[in-house]
């Protein structure tokens, strides 16, 4: 919901919907999703938010607005040099899950697909993330048009069990579709070697906040090796607010462990699945 964002792997964010019907980060016992926390503060107060996080609300026109943002192809990003040379990268649905059951496919077609496919929309690269890849696959089947090649799709993985979402992600789009995983926040050791031959990109990150699960630096080292062995581009976003290194607590100046200058050299990796990446 911003033309400029601090999120390390994109330039901008936009949300065709606000709110979510819940996941492992937001349920009856755990409420740590940052989008949910922000809705508790601004929901019902700011017109840009859903009345409540659990009340998924459509916001038509936002994606059209984002298509008009300037083209960043060939532009340097001072604070994110790993994005240099690429088109504008827009994270779709950082404050919502637009694949929530209440959201109609016709709205997603009109708001997402048509704008991404438009002349101005094609200047940008759109990265659509959902914890409901099964419904995204159903939406893909429902469409009567081709999936736009500049609309990348992803699902979030937090545990080994949640890796089951990947099988649904593989059914979204067609052979031209770029599919990636956001392994964030990672709560335990995860083996993705089974899926990596079919995945185009991996983002990894630890959890932030006072109730964060510990993130082990060894998990990053392992996933870097897994990706290298399968020639999959890898991007480490952050280590989180509770970091373990060699069985001991690691301290970093950056509150979320997001400054790669503080990391061990072998995990300072921020790659993209495109030839024009820096």
C-alpha atoms as a PDB file:
ATOM      1  CA  UNK A   1       0.000   0.000   0.000  1.00  0.00           C
ATOM      2  CA  UNK A   2       2.972   2.219  -0.640  1.00  0.00           C
ATOM      3  CA  UNK A   3       4.925   3.396  -3.654  1.00  0.00           C
ATOM      4  CA  UNK A   4       8.064   2.990  -1.545  1.00  0.00           C
ATOM      5  CA  UNK A   5       8.569   0.238   1.031  1.00  0.00           C
ATOM      6  CA  UNK A   6      11.290  -0.909   3.406  1.00  0.00           C
ATOM      7  CA  UNK A   7      10.654  -4.542   2.441  1.00  0.00           C
ATOM      8  CA  UNK A   8      14.003  -5.665   1.076  1.00  0.00           C
ATOM      9  CA  UNK A   9      12.892  -7.695  -1.941  1.00  0.00           C
ATOM     10  CA  UNK A  10      10.543  -5.197  -3.610  1.00  0.00           C
ATOM     11  CA  UNK A  11      10.111  -1.524  -4.414  1.00  0.00           C
ATOM     12  CA  UNK A  12       6.423  -1.064  -3.665  1.00  0.00           C
ATOM     13  CA  UNK A  13       3.348  -2.722  -2.195  1.00  0.00           C
ATOM     14  CA  UNK A  14      -0.319  -2.653  -3.185  1.00  0.00           C
ATOM     15  CA  UNK A  15      -3.417  -4.295  -1.750  1.00  0.00           C
ATOM     16  CA  UNK A  16      -6.569  -4.944  -3.797  1.00  0.00           C
ATOM     17  CA  UNK A  17      -8.109  -6.183  -0.529  1.00  0.00           C
ATOM     18  CA  UNK A  18      -7.424  -5.545   3.144  1.00  0.00           C
ATOM     19  CA  UNK A  19      -7.817  -8.105   5.914  1.00  0.00           C
ATOM     20  CA  UNK A  20      -7.539 -11.882   6.135  1.00  0.00           C
ATOM     21  CA  UNK A  21      -9.603 -14.886   7.196  1.00  0.00           C
ATOM     22  CA  UNK A  22      -6.741 -16.215   9.310  1.00  0.00           C
ATOM     23  CA  UNK A  23      -3.679 -18.470   9.209  1.00  0.00           C
ATOM     24  CA  UNK A  24      -1.029 -19.815  11.588  1.00  0.00           C
ATOM     25  CA  UNK A  25       0.050 -16.235  12.300  1.00  0.00           C
ATOM     26  CA  UNK A  26      -3.455 -15.015  13.134  1.00  0.00           C
ATOM     27  CA  UNK A  27      -5.903 -17.335  14.866  1.00  0.00           C
ATOM     28  CA  UNK A  28      -7.569 -17.964  18.209  1.00  0.00           C
ATOM     29  CA  UNK A  29      -4.301 -18.504  20.055  1.00  0.00           C
ATOM     30  CA  UNK A  30      -1.708 -16.489  18.122  1.00  0.00           C
ATOM     31  CA  UNK A  31      -2.005 -12.970  16.702  1.00  0.00           C
ATOM     32  CA  UNK A  32       1.434 -11.962  15.443  1.00  0.00           C
ATOM     33  CA  UNK A  33       0.802 -11.136  11.777  1.00  0.00           C
ATOM     34  CA  UNK A  34       2.060  -7.586  11.261  1.00  0.00           C
ATOM     35  CA  UNK A  35      -0.891  -6.795   8.985  1.00  0.00           C
ATOM     36  CA  UNK A  36      -3.277  -7.898  11.710  1.00  0.00           C
ATOM     37  CA  UNK A  37      -1.447  -5.880  14.349  1.00  0.00           C
ATOM     38  CA  UNK A  38      -1.646  -2.762  12.167  1.00  0.00           C
ATOM     39  CA  UNK A  39      -5.360  -3.366  11.593  1.00  0.00           C
ATOM     40  CA  UNK A  40      -5.922  -3.450  15.349  1.00  0.00           C
ATOM     41  CA  UNK A  41      -4.464   0.050  15.453  1.00  0.00           C
ATOM     42  CA  UNK A  42      -5.934   1.559  12.304  1.00  0.00           C
ATOM     43  CA  UNK A  43      -8.933  -0.622  11.403  1.00  0.00           C
ATOM     44  CA  UNK A  44     -12.156   1.323  11.732  1.00  0.00           C
ATOM     45  CA  UNK A  45     -10.111   4.526  12.104  1.00  0.00           C
ATOM     46  CA  UNK A  46      -8.292   4.864   8.784  1.00  0.00           C
ATOM     47  CA  UNK A  47     -10.324   4.612   5.594  1.00  0.00           C
ATOM     48  CA  UNK A  48      -7.478   2.696   3.982  1.00  0.00           C
ATOM     49  CA  UNK A  49      -7.953  -0.318   6.262  1.00  0.00           C
ATOM     50  CA  UNK A  50     -10.658  -2.943   6.658  1.00  0.00           C
ATOM     51  CA  UNK A  51     -12.958  -2.225   9.638  1.00  0.00           C
ATOM     52  CA  UNK A  52     -11.389  -5.283  11.332  1.00  0.00           C
ATOM     53  CA  UNK A  53      -8.626  -7.572  10.126  1.00  0.00           C
ATOM     54  CA  UNK A  54     -11.019 -10.537  10.015  1.00  0.00           C
ATOM     55  CA  UNK A  55     -13.447  -8.526   7.846  1.00  0.00           C
ATOM     56  CA  UNK A  56     -11.843  -8.839   4.403  1.00  0.00           C
ATOM     57  CA  UNK A  57     -12.703  -5.743   2.373  1.00  0.00           C
ATOM     58  CA  UNK A  58     -12.269  -5.019  -1.348  1.00  0.00           C
ATOM     59  CA  UNK A  59     -10.559  -1.811  -2.451  1.00  0.00           C
ATOM     60  CA  UNK A  60     -11.162  -1.456  -6.201  1.00  0.00           C
ATOM     61  CA  UNK A  61      -8.970   0.993  -8.060  1.00  0.00           C
ATOM     62  CA  UNK A  62      -5.786   0.477  -6.115  1.00  0.00           C
ATOM     63  CA  UNK A  63      -4.140  -1.769  -8.697  1.00  0.00           C
ATOM     64  CA  UNK A  64      -5.005   0.733 -11.439  1.00  0.00           C
ATOM     65  CA  UNK A  65      -3.301   3.413  -9.379  1.00  0.00           C
ATOM     66  CA  UNK A  66      -0.195   1.264  -9.050  1.00  0.00           C
ATOM     67  CA  UNK A  67       0.043   0.716 -12.815  1.00  0.00           C
ATOM     68  CA  UNK A  68       0.676   4.468 -13.185  1.00  0.00           C
ATOM     69  CA  UNK A  69       3.752   4.456 -10.957  1.00  0.00           C
ATOM     70  CA  UNK A  70       7.000   5.243 -12.764  1.00  0.00           C
ATOM     71  CA  UNK A  71       8.944   2.522 -14.547  1.00  0.00           C
ATOM     72  CA  UNK A  72      12.151   1.731 -12.653  1.00  0.00           C
ATOM     73  CA  UNK A  73      13.779  -0.385 -15.349  1.00  0.00           C
ATOM     74  CA  UNK A  74      17.454   0.513 -15.489  1.00  0.00           C
ATOM     75  CA  UNK A  75      17.226   2.703 -12.382  1.00  0.00           C
ATOM     76  CA  UNK A  76      19.585   2.270  -9.444  1.00  0.00           C
ATOM     77  CA  UNK A  77      18.124   1.840  -5.951  1.00  0.00           C
ATOM     78  CA  UNK A  78      20.467   3.526  -3.486  1.00  0.00           C
ATOM     79  CA  UNK A  79      19.237   1.568  -0.465  1.00  0.00           C
ATOM     80  CA  UNK A  80      18.559  -1.690  -2.326  1.00  0.00           C
ATOM     81  CA  UNK A  81      21.379  -2.177  -4.839  1.00  0.00           C
ATOM     82  CA  UNK A  82      20.336  -5.791  -5.424  1.00  0.00           C
ATOM     83  CA  UNK A  83      17.281  -4.410  -7.288  1.00  0.00           C
ATOM     84  CA  UNK A  84      19.338  -2.278  -9.693  1.00  0.00           C
ATOM     85  CA  UNK A  85      18.464  -2.704 -13.349  1.00  0.00           C
ATOM     86  CA  UNK A  86      15.115  -4.404 -12.716  1.00  0.00           C
ATOM     87  CA  UNK A  87      11.576  -3.175 -13.386  1.00  0.00           C
ATOM     88  CA  UNK A  88       9.558  -1.915 -10.436  1.00  0.00           C
ATOM     89  CA  UNK A  89       8.793  -4.888  -8.185  1.00  0.00           C
ATOM     90  CA  UNK A  90       5.356  -4.597  -6.572  1.00  0.00           C
ATOM     91  CA  UNK A  91       4.410  -6.909  -3.689  1.00  0.00           C
ATOM     92  CA  UNK A  92       0.677  -7.632  -4.039  1.00  0.00           C
ATOM     93  CA  UNK A  93      -1.217  -8.285  -0.782  1.00  0.00           C
ATOM     94  CA  UNK A  94       1.261  -7.532   1.979  1.00  0.00           C
ATOM     95  CA  UNK A  95      -1.625  -6.399   4.213  1.00  0.00           C
ATOM     96  CA  UNK A  96      -4.162  -9.009   3.236  1.00  0.00           C
ATOM     97  CA  UNK A  97      -4.793 -12.367   1.641  1.00  0.00           C
ATOM     98  CA  UNK A  98      -6.761 -11.575  -1.495  1.00  0.00           C
ATOM     99  CA  UNK A  99      -7.480 -15.291  -1.955  1.00  0.00           C
ATOM    100  CA  UNK A 100      -9.686 -15.355   1.124  1.00  0.00           C
ATOM    101  CA  UNK A 101     -12.932 -17.228   0.428  1.00  0.00           C
ATOM    102  CA  UNK A 102     -15.102 -14.114   0.604  1.00  0.00           C
ATOM    103  CA  UNK A 103     -13.297 -12.433  -2.312  1.00  0.00           C
ATOM    104  CA  UNK A 104     -15.025 -13.192  -5.621  1.00  0.00           C
ATOM    105  CA  UNK A 105     -12.994 -14.338  -8.615  1.00  0.00           C
ATOM    106  CA  UNK A 106     -14.607 -11.689 -10.835  1.00  0.00           C
ATOM    107  CA  UNK A 107     -13.203  -8.967  -8.588  1.00  0.00           C
ATOM    108  CA  UNK A 108      -9.718 -10.531  -8.741  1.00  0.00           C
ATOM    109  CA  UNK A 109      -9.935 -10.761 -12.513  1.00  0.00           C
ATOM    110  CA  UNK A 110     -11.006  -7.134 -12.907  1.00  0.00           C
ATOM    111  CA  UNK A 111      -8.703  -5.684 -10.261  1.00  0.00           C
ATOM    112  CA  UNK A 112      -5.583  -7.838 -10.540  1.00  0.00           C
ATOM    113  CA  UNK A 113      -5.374  -9.603 -13.895  1.00  0.00           C
ATOM    114  CA  UNK A 114      -6.665  -6.775 -16.093  1.00  0.00           C
ATOM    115  CA  UNK A 115      -4.434  -4.135 -14.502  1.00  0.00           C
ATOM    116  CA  UNK A 116      -1.305  -6.292 -14.440  1.00  0.00           C
ATOM    117  CA  UNK A 117      -1.911  -7.110 -18.130  1.00  0.00           C
ATOM    118  CA  UNK A 118      -2.557  -3.515 -19.170  1.00  0.00           C
ATOM    119  CA  UNK A 119      -0.033  -1.510 -21.173  1.00  0.00           C
ATOM    120  CA  UNK A 120       1.116   0.418 -18.124  1.00  0.00           C
ATOM    121  CA  UNK A 121       0.895  -2.610 -15.859  1.00  0.00           C
ATOM    122  CA  UNK A 122       3.260  -4.576 -18.068  1.00  0.00           C
ATOM    123  CA  UNK A 123       6.053  -2.124 -17.248  1.00  0.00           C
ATOM    124  CA  UNK A 124       6.159  -3.549 -13.723  1.00  0.00           C
ATOM    125  CA  UNK A 125       6.717  -6.954 -12.151  1.00  0.00           C
ATOM    126  CA  UNK A 126       3.987  -7.959  -9.705  1.00  0.00           C
ATOM    127  CA  UNK A 127       4.640 -10.492  -6.929  1.00  0.00           C
ATOM    128  CA  UNK A 128       1.423 -11.993  -5.538  1.00  0.00           C
ATOM    129  CA  UNK A 129       1.726 -13.832  -2.224  1.00  0.00           C
ATOM    130  CA  UNK A 130      -0.938 -15.999  -0.559  1.00  0.00           C
ATOM    131  CA  UNK A 131      -1.217 -18.650   2.127  1.00  0.00           C
ATOM    132  CA  UNK A 132      -4.127 -20.035   0.089  1.00  0.00           C
ATOM    133  CA  UNK A 133      -2.446 -21.324  -3.083  1.00  0.00           C
ATOM    134  CA  UNK A 134      -5.197 -23.907  -3.552  1.00  0.00           C
ATOM    135  CA  UNK A 135      -7.715 -21.118  -4.094  1.00  0.00           C
ATOM    136  CA  UNK A 136      -5.232 -19.276  -6.294  1.00  0.00           C
ATOM    137  CA  UNK A 137      -5.012 -22.402  -8.442  1.00  0.00           C
ATOM    138  CA  UNK A 138      -8.818 -22.546  -8.625  1.00  0.00           C
ATOM    139  CA  UNK A 139      -8.836 -18.913  -9.702  1.00  0.00           C
ATOM    140  CA  UNK A 140      -6.219 -19.673 -12.349  1.00  0.00           C
ATOM    141  CA  UNK A 141      -8.423 -22.472 -13.740  1.00  0.00           C
ATOM    142  CA  UNK A 142     -11.468 -20.202 -13.682  1.00  0.00           C
ATOM    143  CA  UNK A 143      -9.823 -17.488 -15.772  1.00  0.00           C
ATOM    144  CA  UNK A 144     -10.668 -17.269 -19.458  1.00  0.00           C
ATOM    145  CA  UNK A 145      -7.411 -15.451 -20.247  1.00  0.00           C
ATOM    146  CA  UNK A 146      -3.759 -16.430 -19.976  1.00  0.00           C
ATOM    147  CA  UNK A 147      -1.935 -15.836 -16.722  1.00  0.00           C
ATOM    148  CA  UNK A 148       0.239 -12.694 -17.177  1.00  0.00           C
ATOM    149  CA  UNK A 149       3.938 -13.531 -17.340  1.00  0.00           C
ATOM    150  CA  UNK A 150       4.766 -10.431 -15.254  1.00  0.00           C
ATOM    151  CA  UNK A 151       2.571 -11.700 -12.390  1.00  0.00           C
ATOM    152  CA  UNK A 152       4.746 -13.922 -10.213  1.00  0.00           C
ATOM    153  CA  UNK A 153       3.012 -16.137  -7.657  1.00  0.00           C
ATOM    154  CA  UNK A 154       4.097 -17.372  -4.255  1.00  0.00           C
ATOM    155  CA  UNK A 155       3.010 -18.996  -1.033  1.00  0.00           C
ATOM    156  CA  UNK A 156       4.354 -18.652   2.500  1.00  0.00           C
ATOM    157  CA  UNK A 157       6.046 -21.526   4.331  1.00  0.00           C
ATOM    158  CA  UNK A 158       6.608 -21.437   8.097  1.00  0.00           C
ATOM    159  CA  UNK A 159       7.058 -25.129   8.959  1.00  0.00           C
ATOM    160  CA  UNK A 160       7.740 -28.414   7.209  1.00  0.00           C
ATOM    161  CA  UNK A 161       4.043 -29.243   7.388  1.00  0.00           C
ATOM    162  CA  UNK A 162       3.060 -26.003   5.662  1.00  0.00           C
ATOM    163  CA  UNK A 163       5.293 -26.963   2.722  1.00  0.00           C
ATOM    164  CA  UNK A 164       2.257 -28.967   1.576  1.00  0.00           C
ATOM    165  CA  UNK A 165       1.009 -25.666   0.115  1.00  0.00           C
ATOM    166  CA  UNK A 166       3.603 -25.910  -2.624  1.00  0.00           C
ATOM    167  CA  UNK A 167       1.733 -28.647  -4.522  1.00  0.00           C
ATOM    168  CA  UNK A 168      -1.144 -26.208  -5.041  1.00  0.00           C
ATOM    169  CA  UNK A 169       1.149 -23.360  -6.067  1.00  0.00           C
ATOM    170  CA  UNK A 170       2.490 -25.524  -8.881  1.00  0.00           C
ATOM    171  CA  UNK A 171      -1.006 -25.533 -10.436  1.00  0.00           C
ATOM    172  CA  UNK A 172      -1.207 -21.741 -10.749  1.00  0.00           C
ATOM    173  CA  UNK A 173      -0.654 -20.239 -14.202  1.00  0.00           C
ATOM    174  CA  UNK A 174       1.202 -22.128 -16.911  1.00  0.00           C
ATOM    175  CA  UNK A 175       4.717 -23.145 -17.973  1.00  0.00           C
ATOM    176  CA  UNK A 176       5.674 -19.451 -18.315  1.00  0.00           C
ATOM    177  CA  UNK A 177       4.672 -18.554 -14.749  1.00  0.00           C
ATOM    178  CA  UNK A 178       7.353 -17.687 -12.189  1.00  0.00           C
ATOM    179  CA  UNK A 179       6.692 -19.367  -8.846  1.00  0.00           C
ATOM    180  CA  UNK A 180       8.524 -18.618  -5.620  1.00  0.00           C
ATOM    181  CA  UNK A 181       8.373 -19.353  -1.901  1.00  0.00           C
ATOM    182  CA  UNK A 182       8.495 -16.994   1.046  1.00  0.00           C
ATOM    183  CA  UNK A 183       9.987 -19.107   3.823  1.00  0.00           C
ATOM    184  CA  UNK A 184       9.107 -16.504   6.419  1.00  0.00           C
ATOM    185  CA  UNK A 185       8.717 -16.403   9.286  1.00  0.00           C
ATOM    186  CA  UNK A 186      10.549 -19.724   9.538  1.00  0.00           C
ATOM    187  CA  UNK A 187       9.748 -21.516  12.788  1.00  0.00           C
ATOM    188  CA  UNK A 188      11.710 -24.746  12.383  1.00  0.00           C
ATOM    189  CA  UNK A 189      14.219 -26.501  10.150  1.00  0.00           C
ATOM    190  CA  UNK A 190      12.680 -27.112   6.704  1.00  0.00           C
ATOM    191  CA  UNK A 191      13.839 -29.369   3.883  1.00  0.00           C
ATOM    192  CA  UNK A 192      12.676 -28.066   0.485  1.00  0.00           C
ATOM    193  CA  UNK A 193      14.910 -30.248  -1.688  1.00  0.00           C
ATOM    194  CA  UNK A 194      11.880 -32.178  -2.987  1.00  0.00           C
ATOM    195  CA  UNK A 195      10.367 -29.004  -4.418  1.00  0.00           C
ATOM    196  CA  UNK A 196      13.345 -26.935  -5.481  1.00  0.00           C
ATOM    197  CA  UNK A 197      13.612 -28.413  -9.013  1.00  0.00           C
ATOM    198  CA  UNK A 198      10.200 -26.826  -9.706  1.00  0.00           C
ATOM    199  CA  UNK A 199      10.660 -23.504  -7.875  1.00  0.00           C
ATOM    200  CA  UNK A 200      12.102 -20.346  -9.444  1.00  0.00           C
ATOM    201  CA  UNK A 201      13.076 -18.378  -6.344  1.00  0.00           C
ATOM    202  CA  UNK A 202      13.362 -18.654  -2.546  1.00  0.00           C
ATOM    203  CA  UNK A 203      13.005 -15.854   0.011  1.00  0.00           C
ATOM    204  CA  UNK A 204      13.897 -16.711   3.611  1.00  0.00           C
ATOM    205  CA  UNK A 205      13.514 -14.819   6.868  1.00  0.00           C
ATOM    206  CA  UNK A 206      13.181 -15.044  10.629  1.00  0.00           C
ATOM    207  CA  UNK A 207      10.348 -13.730  12.761  1.00  0.00           C
ATOM    208  CA  UNK A 208      10.307 -10.335  14.454  1.00  0.00           C
ATOM    209  CA  UNK A 209       8.470  -9.117  17.510  1.00  0.00           C
ATOM    210  CA  UNK A 210       8.481  -9.955  21.252  1.00  0.00           C
ATOM    211  CA  UNK A 211       6.964 -13.442  20.763  1.00  0.00           C
ATOM    212  CA  UNK A 212       9.166 -14.411  17.809  1.00  0.00           C
ATOM    213  CA  UNK A 213      10.346 -17.969  17.334  1.00  0.00           C
ATOM    214  CA  UNK A 214      14.147 -18.256  17.359  1.00  0.00           C
ATOM    215  CA  UNK A 215      15.756 -18.324  13.914  1.00  0.00           C
ATOM    216  CA  UNK A 216      18.892 -20.440  13.594  1.00  0.00           C
ATOM    217  CA  UNK A 217      21.570 -19.077  11.274  1.00  0.00           C
ATOM    218  CA  UNK A 218      22.258 -22.691  10.356  1.00  0.00           C
ATOM    219  CA  UNK A 219      18.834 -22.808   8.681  1.00  0.00           C
ATOM    220  CA  UNK A 220      19.941 -20.073   6.321  1.00  0.00           C
ATOM    221  CA  UNK A 221      23.254 -21.809   5.644  1.00  0.00           C
ATOM    222  CA  UNK A 222      21.396 -25.037   4.861  1.00  0.00           C
ATOM    223  CA  UNK A 223      18.866 -23.405   2.535  1.00  0.00           C
ATOM    224  CA  UNK A 224      21.631 -21.557   0.709  1.00  0.00           C
ATOM    225  CA  UNK A 225      23.253 -24.945   0.054  1.00  0.00           C
ATOM    226  CA  UNK A 226      19.953 -26.485  -1.039  1.00  0.00           C
ATOM    227  CA  UNK A 227      19.350 -23.663  -3.507  1.00  0.00           C
ATOM    228  CA  UNK A 228      22.902 -23.781  -4.853  1.00  0.00           C
ATOM    229  CA  UNK A 229      22.608 -27.500  -5.515  1.00  0.00           C
ATOM    230  CA  UNK A 230      19.451 -26.932  -7.570  1.00  0.00           C
ATOM    231  CA  UNK A 231      20.500 -23.613  -9.202  1.00  0.00           C
ATOM    232  CA  UNK A 232      17.638 -21.763  -7.527  1.00  0.00           C
ATOM    233  CA  UNK A 233      18.143 -18.035  -6.782  1.00  0.00           C
ATOM    234  CA  UNK A 234      18.069 -17.338  -3.055  1.00  0.00           C
ATOM    235  CA  UNK A 235      17.278 -14.159  -1.089  1.00  0.00           C
ATOM    236  CA  UNK A 236      17.768 -13.791   2.675  1.00  0.00           C
ATOM    237  CA  UNK A 237      15.499 -11.006   3.874  1.00  0.00           C
ATOM    238  CA  UNK A 238      16.217 -10.871   7.605  1.00  0.00           C
ATOM    239  CA  UNK A 239      17.299 -13.033  10.537  1.00  0.00           C
ATOM    240  CA  UNK A 240      14.522 -11.823  12.837  1.00  0.00           C
ATOM    241  CA  UNK A 241      14.587 -10.473  16.368  1.00  0.00           C
ATOM    242  CA  UNK A 242      15.649 -13.739  18.065  1.00  0.00           C
ATOM    243  CA  UNK A 243      18.679 -15.263  16.377  1.00  0.00           C
ATOM    244  CA  UNK A 244      20.615 -18.367  17.330  1.00  0.00           C
ATOM    245  CA  UNK A 245      24.138 -19.032  16.072  1.00  0.00           C
ATOM    246  CA  UNK A 246      26.016 -22.202  17.054  1.00  0.00           C
ATOM    247  CA  UNK A 247      23.584 -22.746  19.904  1.00  0.00           C
ATOM    248  CA  UNK A 248      24.048 -19.275  21.367  1.00  0.00           C
ATOM    249  CA  UNK A 249      21.975 -16.094  21.141  1.00  0.00           C
ATOM    250  CA  UNK A 250      23.314 -13.695  18.524  1.00  0.00           C
ATOM    251  CA  UNK A 251      22.885  -9.949  18.966  1.00  0.00           C
ATOM    252  CA  UNK A 252      22.524  -7.473  16.115  1.00  0.00           C
ATOM    253  CA  UNK A 253      22.126  -3.704  16.007  1.00  0.00           C
ATOM    254  CA  UNK A 254      19.303  -3.981  13.464  1.00  0.00           C
ATOM    255  CA  UNK A 255      16.130  -4.817  15.422  1.00  0.00           C
ATOM    256  CA  UNK A 256      14.942  -7.370  12.858  1.00  0.00           C
ATOM    257  CA  UNK A 257      18.357  -8.691  11.887  1.00  0.00           C
ATOM    258  CA  UNK A 258      17.905  -7.162   8.459  1.00  0.00           C
ATOM    259  CA  UNK A 259      21.322  -5.561   7.925  1.00  0.00           C
ATOM    260  CA  UNK A 260      23.309  -8.031   5.855  1.00  0.00           C
ATOM    261  CA  UNK A 261      26.560  -6.325   6.833  1.00  0.00           C
ATOM    262  CA  UNK A 262      26.087  -7.933  10.258  1.00  0.00           C
ATOM    263  CA  UNK A 263      25.594 -11.463   8.891  1.00  0.00           C
ATOM    264  CA  UNK A 264      28.141 -14.227   8.352  1.00  0.00           C
ATOM    265  CA  UNK A 265      29.538 -13.794   4.848  1.00  0.00           C
ATOM    266  CA  UNK A 266      28.237 -17.121   3.514  1.00  0.00           C
ATOM    267  CA  UNK A 267      24.590 -16.070   3.937  1.00  0.00           C
ATOM    268  CA  UNK A 268      24.886 -12.586   2.442  1.00  0.00           C
ATOM    269  CA  UNK A 269      22.933 -13.685  -0.596  1.00  0.00           C
ATOM    270  CA  UNK A 270      20.245 -11.665  -2.348  1.00  0.00           C
ATOM    271  CA  UNK A 271      19.565 -13.065  -5.797  1.00  0.00           C
ATOM    272  CA  UNK A 272      16.668 -12.859  -8.273  1.00  0.00           C
ATOM    273  CA  UNK A 273      15.439 -15.283 -10.939  1.00  0.00           C
ATOM    274  CA  UNK A 274      16.047 -12.879 -13.800  1.00  0.00           C
ATOM    275  CA  UNK A 275      18.952 -12.147 -16.124  1.00  0.00           C
ATOM    276  CA  UNK A 276      18.784  -8.407 -15.462  1.00  0.00           C
ATOM    277  CA  UNK A 277      19.198  -8.707 -11.674  1.00  0.00           C
ATOM    278  CA  UNK A 278      22.205  -6.998 -10.152  1.00  0.00           C
END
